[in-house]
N, C-alpha and C. Protein backbone atom coordinates (compact mmCIF):
# COMPACT_ATOMS: atom_id res chain seq x y z
N MET A 1 -0.70 2.65 -5.89
CA MET A 1 0.65 2.16 -6.07
C MET A 1 1.55 3.37 -6.29
N HIS A 2 2.66 3.38 -5.61
CA HIS A 2 3.63 4.46 -5.72
C HIS A 2 4.95 3.89 -6.21
N GLY A 3 5.78 4.73 -6.77
CA GLY A 3 7.08 4.27 -7.23
C GLY A 3 8.19 4.95 -6.46
N ARG A 4 9.30 4.27 -6.34
CA ARG A 4 10.50 4.85 -5.76
C ARG A 4 11.61 4.73 -6.79
N LEU A 5 12.45 5.73 -6.84
CA LEU A 5 13.52 5.76 -7.82
C LEU A 5 14.77 5.10 -7.25
N PHE A 6 15.26 4.07 -7.92
CA PHE A 6 16.48 3.38 -7.54
C PHE A 6 17.37 3.29 -8.76
N GLY A 7 18.47 4.01 -8.75
CA GLY A 7 19.42 3.94 -9.86
C GLY A 7 18.80 4.22 -11.21
N GLY A 8 17.85 5.14 -11.26
CA GLY A 8 17.24 5.49 -12.53
C GLY A 8 16.04 4.65 -12.90
N ALA A 9 15.77 3.57 -12.16
CA ALA A 9 14.61 2.73 -12.44
C ALA A 9 13.59 2.94 -11.33
N ILE A 10 12.35 2.86 -11.69
CA ILE A 10 11.31 3.02 -10.69
C ILE A 10 10.90 1.65 -10.18
N ALA A 11 10.98 1.47 -8.87
CA ALA A 11 10.54 0.23 -8.23
C ALA A 11 9.14 0.46 -7.70
N GLN A 12 8.21 -0.38 -8.07
CA GLN A 12 6.84 -0.22 -7.62
C GLN A 12 6.69 -0.74 -6.20
N THR A 13 5.97 0.00 -5.37
CA THR A 13 5.63 -0.46 -4.03
C THR A 13 4.13 -0.40 -3.89
N ASN A 14 3.57 -1.38 -3.25
CA ASN A 14 2.13 -1.46 -3.10
C ASN A 14 1.73 -0.82 -1.78
N THR A 15 0.98 0.27 -1.84
CA THR A 15 0.52 0.94 -0.63
C THR A 15 -1.00 0.88 -0.53
N ASP A 16 -1.62 -0.04 -1.23
CA ASP A 16 -3.06 -0.23 -1.16
C ASP A 16 -3.44 -0.65 0.26
N PRO A 17 -4.30 0.11 0.95
CA PRO A 17 -4.67 -0.24 2.32
C PRO A 17 -5.26 -1.64 2.45
N ALA A 18 -5.91 -2.14 1.41
CA ALA A 18 -6.48 -3.49 1.47
C ALA A 18 -5.40 -4.55 1.55
N MET A 19 -4.19 -4.19 1.18
CA MET A 19 -3.08 -5.15 1.20
C MET A 19 -2.31 -5.12 2.52
N MET A 20 -2.69 -4.25 3.43
CA MET A 20 -1.96 -4.13 4.68
C MET A 20 -2.65 -4.96 5.76
N PRO A 21 -1.87 -5.44 6.74
CA PRO A 21 -2.45 -6.26 7.80
C PRO A 21 -3.40 -5.44 8.67
N ALA A 22 -4.33 -6.13 9.28
CA ALA A 22 -5.24 -5.47 10.21
C ALA A 22 -4.44 -4.93 11.39
N PRO A 23 -4.87 -3.80 11.96
CA PRO A 23 -4.13 -3.26 13.10
C PRO A 23 -4.20 -4.20 14.30
N GLY A 24 -3.19 -4.13 15.13
CA GLY A 24 -3.14 -4.97 16.33
C GLY A 24 -2.48 -6.30 16.06
N PRO A 25 -2.24 -7.04 17.12
CA PRO A 25 -1.58 -8.34 16.96
C PRO A 25 -2.49 -9.33 16.24
N PRO A 26 -1.91 -10.24 15.48
CA PRO A 26 -2.72 -11.23 14.77
C PRO A 26 -3.36 -12.21 15.75
N THR A 27 -4.52 -12.68 15.39
CA THR A 27 -5.21 -13.67 16.21
C THR A 27 -4.68 -15.06 15.90
N GLN A 28 -4.95 -16.00 16.79
CA GLN A 28 -4.53 -17.39 16.55
C GLN A 28 -5.18 -17.94 15.29
N THR A 29 -6.42 -17.53 15.02
CA THR A 29 -7.11 -17.98 13.81
C THR A 29 -6.37 -17.53 12.56
N LEU A 30 -5.93 -16.26 12.53
CA LEU A 30 -5.17 -15.76 11.37
C LEU A 30 -3.86 -16.51 11.22
N VAL A 31 -3.18 -16.77 12.32
CA VAL A 31 -1.91 -17.50 12.27
C VAL A 31 -2.14 -18.91 11.75
N ASP A 32 -3.19 -19.57 12.21
CA ASP A 32 -3.50 -20.93 11.75
C ASP A 32 -3.81 -20.95 10.26
N LYS A 33 -4.59 -19.97 9.79
CA LYS A 33 -4.89 -19.89 8.36
C LYS A 33 -3.61 -19.61 7.57
N GLY A 34 -2.75 -18.75 8.14
CA GLY A 34 -1.48 -18.46 7.49
C GLY A 34 -0.58 -19.68 7.39
N ARG A 35 -0.57 -20.50 8.44
CA ARG A 35 0.23 -21.73 8.43
C ARG A 35 -0.25 -22.65 7.31
N GLU A 36 -1.57 -22.83 7.21
CA GLU A 36 -2.13 -23.68 6.15
C GLU A 36 -1.77 -23.14 4.77
N GLN A 37 -1.94 -21.82 4.58
CA GLN A 37 -1.61 -21.20 3.29
C GLN A 37 -0.13 -21.32 2.99
N PHE A 38 0.71 -21.11 4.00
CA PHE A 38 2.16 -21.21 3.83
C PHE A 38 2.55 -22.60 3.33
N HIS A 39 1.99 -23.63 3.93
CA HIS A 39 2.36 -24.99 3.53
C HIS A 39 1.85 -25.34 2.14
N ARG A 40 0.76 -24.69 1.71
CA ARG A 40 0.27 -24.91 0.34
C ARG A 40 1.08 -24.13 -0.68
N THR A 41 1.50 -22.93 -0.34
CA THR A 41 2.03 -21.99 -1.33
C THR A 41 3.53 -21.72 -1.21
N CYS A 42 4.07 -21.70 -0.01
CA CYS A 42 5.41 -21.16 0.22
C CYS A 42 6.45 -22.19 0.65
N ALA A 43 6.01 -23.26 1.30
CA ALA A 43 6.95 -24.20 1.92
C ALA A 43 7.88 -24.86 0.92
N GLN A 44 7.44 -25.01 -0.31
CA GLN A 44 8.29 -25.66 -1.31
C GLN A 44 9.62 -24.93 -1.46
N CYS A 45 9.60 -23.62 -1.38
CA CYS A 45 10.84 -22.84 -1.52
C CYS A 45 11.39 -22.37 -0.17
N HIS A 46 10.50 -21.97 0.74
CA HIS A 46 10.95 -21.36 2.00
C HIS A 46 11.10 -22.38 3.13
N GLY A 47 10.76 -23.64 2.87
CA GLY A 47 10.95 -24.69 3.86
C GLY A 47 9.74 -24.88 4.76
N ARG A 48 9.55 -26.11 5.16
CA ARG A 48 8.47 -26.43 6.10
C ARG A 48 8.71 -25.67 7.40
N ASN A 49 7.68 -25.02 7.89
CA ASN A 49 7.77 -24.22 9.12
C ASN A 49 8.81 -23.11 9.01
N MET A 50 9.05 -22.64 7.79
CA MET A 50 10.00 -21.55 7.50
C MET A 50 11.44 -21.94 7.77
N VAL A 51 11.74 -23.20 7.91
CA VAL A 51 13.11 -23.64 8.20
C VAL A 51 13.79 -24.00 6.88
N ASN A 52 14.79 -23.20 6.51
CA ASN A 52 15.62 -23.49 5.35
C ASN A 52 16.98 -22.85 5.57
N SER A 53 17.88 -23.18 4.73
CA SER A 53 19.25 -22.68 4.89
C SER A 53 19.40 -21.22 4.48
N GLY A 54 18.42 -20.69 3.77
CA GLY A 54 18.51 -19.31 3.31
C GLY A 54 19.44 -19.14 2.12
N THR A 55 19.91 -20.24 1.56
CA THR A 55 20.84 -20.12 0.43
C THR A 55 20.12 -20.01 -0.91
N THR A 56 18.95 -20.61 -1.03
CA THR A 56 18.22 -20.53 -2.30
C THR A 56 17.00 -19.64 -2.21
N SER A 57 16.48 -19.46 -1.03
CA SER A 57 15.36 -18.54 -0.82
C SER A 57 15.54 -17.86 0.53
N TYR A 58 14.87 -16.75 0.68
CA TYR A 58 15.02 -15.94 1.89
C TYR A 58 14.56 -16.73 3.12
N ASP A 59 15.33 -16.66 4.20
CA ASP A 59 14.97 -17.31 5.46
C ASP A 59 13.94 -16.41 6.16
N LEU A 60 12.67 -16.78 6.06
CA LEU A 60 11.59 -15.93 6.56
C LEU A 60 11.58 -15.80 8.08
N ARG A 61 12.31 -16.64 8.78
CA ARG A 61 12.41 -16.49 10.24
C ARG A 61 13.16 -15.20 10.58
N LYS A 62 13.89 -14.65 9.62
CA LYS A 62 14.66 -13.42 9.83
C LYS A 62 13.95 -12.18 9.27
N PHE A 63 12.75 -12.36 8.72
CA PHE A 63 12.06 -11.22 8.12
C PHE A 63 11.71 -10.21 9.21
N PRO A 64 12.00 -8.92 8.99
CA PRO A 64 11.70 -7.90 10.00
C PRO A 64 10.19 -7.80 10.26
N THR A 65 9.79 -7.97 11.50
CA THR A 65 8.36 -7.97 11.82
C THR A 65 7.75 -6.58 11.80
N ASP A 66 8.58 -5.56 11.65
CA ASP A 66 8.05 -4.20 11.57
C ASP A 66 7.97 -3.70 10.13
N GLN A 67 8.02 -4.62 9.17
CA GLN A 67 7.97 -4.22 7.76
C GLN A 67 6.89 -4.98 6.98
N PRO A 68 5.63 -4.88 7.42
CA PRO A 68 4.58 -5.59 6.69
C PRO A 68 4.43 -5.11 5.25
N ASP A 69 4.69 -3.82 5.00
CA ASP A 69 4.57 -3.32 3.63
C ASP A 69 5.59 -3.98 2.71
N ARG A 70 6.78 -4.22 3.20
CA ARG A 70 7.81 -4.91 2.42
C ARG A 70 7.38 -6.34 2.11
N PHE A 71 6.81 -7.03 3.09
CA PHE A 71 6.34 -8.40 2.90
C PHE A 71 5.24 -8.43 1.84
N PHE A 72 4.24 -7.56 1.99
CA PHE A 72 3.12 -7.53 1.04
C PHE A 72 3.61 -7.20 -0.37
N ASN A 73 4.54 -6.28 -0.49
CA ASN A 73 5.09 -5.92 -1.79
C ASN A 73 5.83 -7.11 -2.41
N SER A 74 6.63 -7.80 -1.62
CA SER A 74 7.39 -8.95 -2.14
C SER A 74 6.47 -10.06 -2.61
N VAL A 75 5.44 -10.37 -1.82
CA VAL A 75 4.51 -11.44 -2.20
C VAL A 75 3.69 -11.02 -3.42
N THR A 76 3.23 -9.80 -3.43
CA THR A 76 2.37 -9.34 -4.52
C THR A 76 3.14 -9.17 -5.83
N ASN A 77 4.32 -8.57 -5.76
CA ASN A 77 5.05 -8.22 -6.98
C ASN A 77 6.23 -9.14 -7.29
N GLY A 78 6.60 -10.00 -6.36
CA GLY A 78 7.77 -10.85 -6.55
C GLY A 78 9.04 -10.08 -6.22
N LYS A 79 10.11 -10.82 -6.01
CA LYS A 79 11.39 -10.18 -5.71
C LYS A 79 12.50 -11.17 -6.02
N ASN A 80 13.50 -10.69 -6.74
CA ASN A 80 14.62 -11.53 -7.15
C ASN A 80 14.07 -12.78 -7.85
N SER A 81 14.36 -13.97 -7.35
CA SER A 81 13.89 -15.19 -8.02
C SER A 81 12.48 -15.60 -7.60
N MET A 82 11.88 -14.88 -6.66
CA MET A 82 10.52 -15.20 -6.23
C MET A 82 9.52 -14.58 -7.20
N PRO A 83 8.58 -15.38 -7.70
CA PRO A 83 7.59 -14.83 -8.62
C PRO A 83 6.52 -14.03 -7.89
N SER A 84 5.77 -13.27 -8.65
CA SER A 84 4.62 -12.54 -8.12
C SER A 84 3.49 -13.53 -7.82
N PHE A 85 2.82 -13.32 -6.71
CA PHE A 85 1.67 -14.13 -6.36
C PHE A 85 0.37 -13.33 -6.43
N SER A 86 0.41 -12.18 -7.12
CA SER A 86 -0.77 -11.32 -7.19
C SER A 86 -1.96 -12.01 -7.83
N GLY A 87 -1.74 -12.88 -8.78
CA GLY A 87 -2.84 -13.58 -9.42
C GLY A 87 -3.25 -14.85 -8.70
N ALA A 88 -2.41 -15.31 -7.77
CA ALA A 88 -2.68 -16.57 -7.08
C ALA A 88 -3.23 -16.39 -5.67
N LEU A 89 -2.89 -15.27 -5.04
CA LEU A 89 -3.31 -15.03 -3.66
C LEU A 89 -4.09 -13.73 -3.55
N ASP A 90 -5.22 -13.77 -2.89
CA ASP A 90 -5.97 -12.54 -2.67
C ASP A 90 -5.42 -11.84 -1.42
N PRO A 91 -5.81 -10.59 -1.19
CA PRO A 91 -5.26 -9.85 -0.04
C PRO A 91 -5.47 -10.55 1.30
N GLY A 92 -6.60 -11.24 1.46
CA GLY A 92 -6.84 -11.96 2.71
C GLY A 92 -5.82 -13.06 2.94
N ALA A 93 -5.50 -13.81 1.90
CA ALA A 93 -4.51 -14.89 2.03
C ALA A 93 -3.13 -14.33 2.35
N ILE A 94 -2.80 -13.18 1.77
CA ILE A 94 -1.51 -12.57 2.08
C ILE A 94 -1.50 -12.08 3.52
N GLN A 95 -2.62 -11.59 4.02
CA GLN A 95 -2.70 -11.20 5.43
C GLN A 95 -2.51 -12.42 6.34
N TRP A 96 -3.08 -13.55 5.97
CA TRP A 96 -2.87 -14.77 6.76
C TRP A 96 -1.39 -15.13 6.78
N LEU A 97 -0.75 -15.05 5.61
CA LEU A 97 0.68 -15.37 5.55
C LEU A 97 1.49 -14.42 6.43
N TRP A 98 1.14 -13.14 6.41
CA TRP A 98 1.86 -12.18 7.26
C TRP A 98 1.66 -12.52 8.73
N ALA A 99 0.45 -12.90 9.12
CA ALA A 99 0.20 -13.28 10.52
C ALA A 99 1.11 -14.45 10.91
N TYR A 100 1.27 -15.40 10.02
CA TYR A 100 2.13 -16.57 10.28
C TYR A 100 3.60 -16.18 10.32
N VAL A 101 4.06 -15.46 9.32
CA VAL A 101 5.48 -15.09 9.23
C VAL A 101 5.86 -14.11 10.33
N SER A 102 5.03 -13.11 10.59
CA SER A 102 5.39 -12.08 11.57
C SER A 102 5.39 -12.57 13.01
N THR A 103 4.73 -13.70 13.26
CA THR A 103 4.75 -14.28 14.61
C THR A 103 5.70 -15.48 14.68
N ARG A 104 6.53 -15.61 13.65
CA ARG A 104 7.48 -16.72 13.58
C ARG A 104 6.75 -18.06 13.71
N GLY A 105 5.67 -18.17 12.95
CA GLY A 105 4.89 -19.41 12.95
C GLY A 105 4.04 -19.58 14.19
N GLY A 106 3.65 -18.48 14.83
CA GLY A 106 2.83 -18.53 16.03
C GLY A 106 3.64 -18.63 17.31
N LYS A 107 4.95 -18.66 17.19
CA LYS A 107 5.81 -18.80 18.37
C LYS A 107 5.98 -17.50 19.13
N GLU A 108 5.71 -16.36 18.48
CA GLU A 108 5.89 -15.06 19.11
C GLU A 108 4.56 -14.31 19.15
N MET A 109 3.64 -14.85 19.89
CA MET A 109 2.32 -14.21 20.01
C MET A 109 2.13 -13.70 21.42
């Protein structure tokens, strides 16, 4: 874990290789597992199939697909009103979620 200095406070970023997605495009199996995990864990706030107004939680359809480290950090450590899921999700489950989110729910494979 490394820190970055922002306005005098250190923001933790997770650079643990186990928390990063596997190289290459996600498989359909990973996307399907991510969809299942998303509906169990994330849909309550982020909307079914990632469809929400973006007014109360981040619209994940707009998440930059070239920033997996940012996604893993947000899920692991929480961000703004989103709680940390480090105790609830293991690295594999977060990888499934990234496969789902980064392919826009399997639509961009």
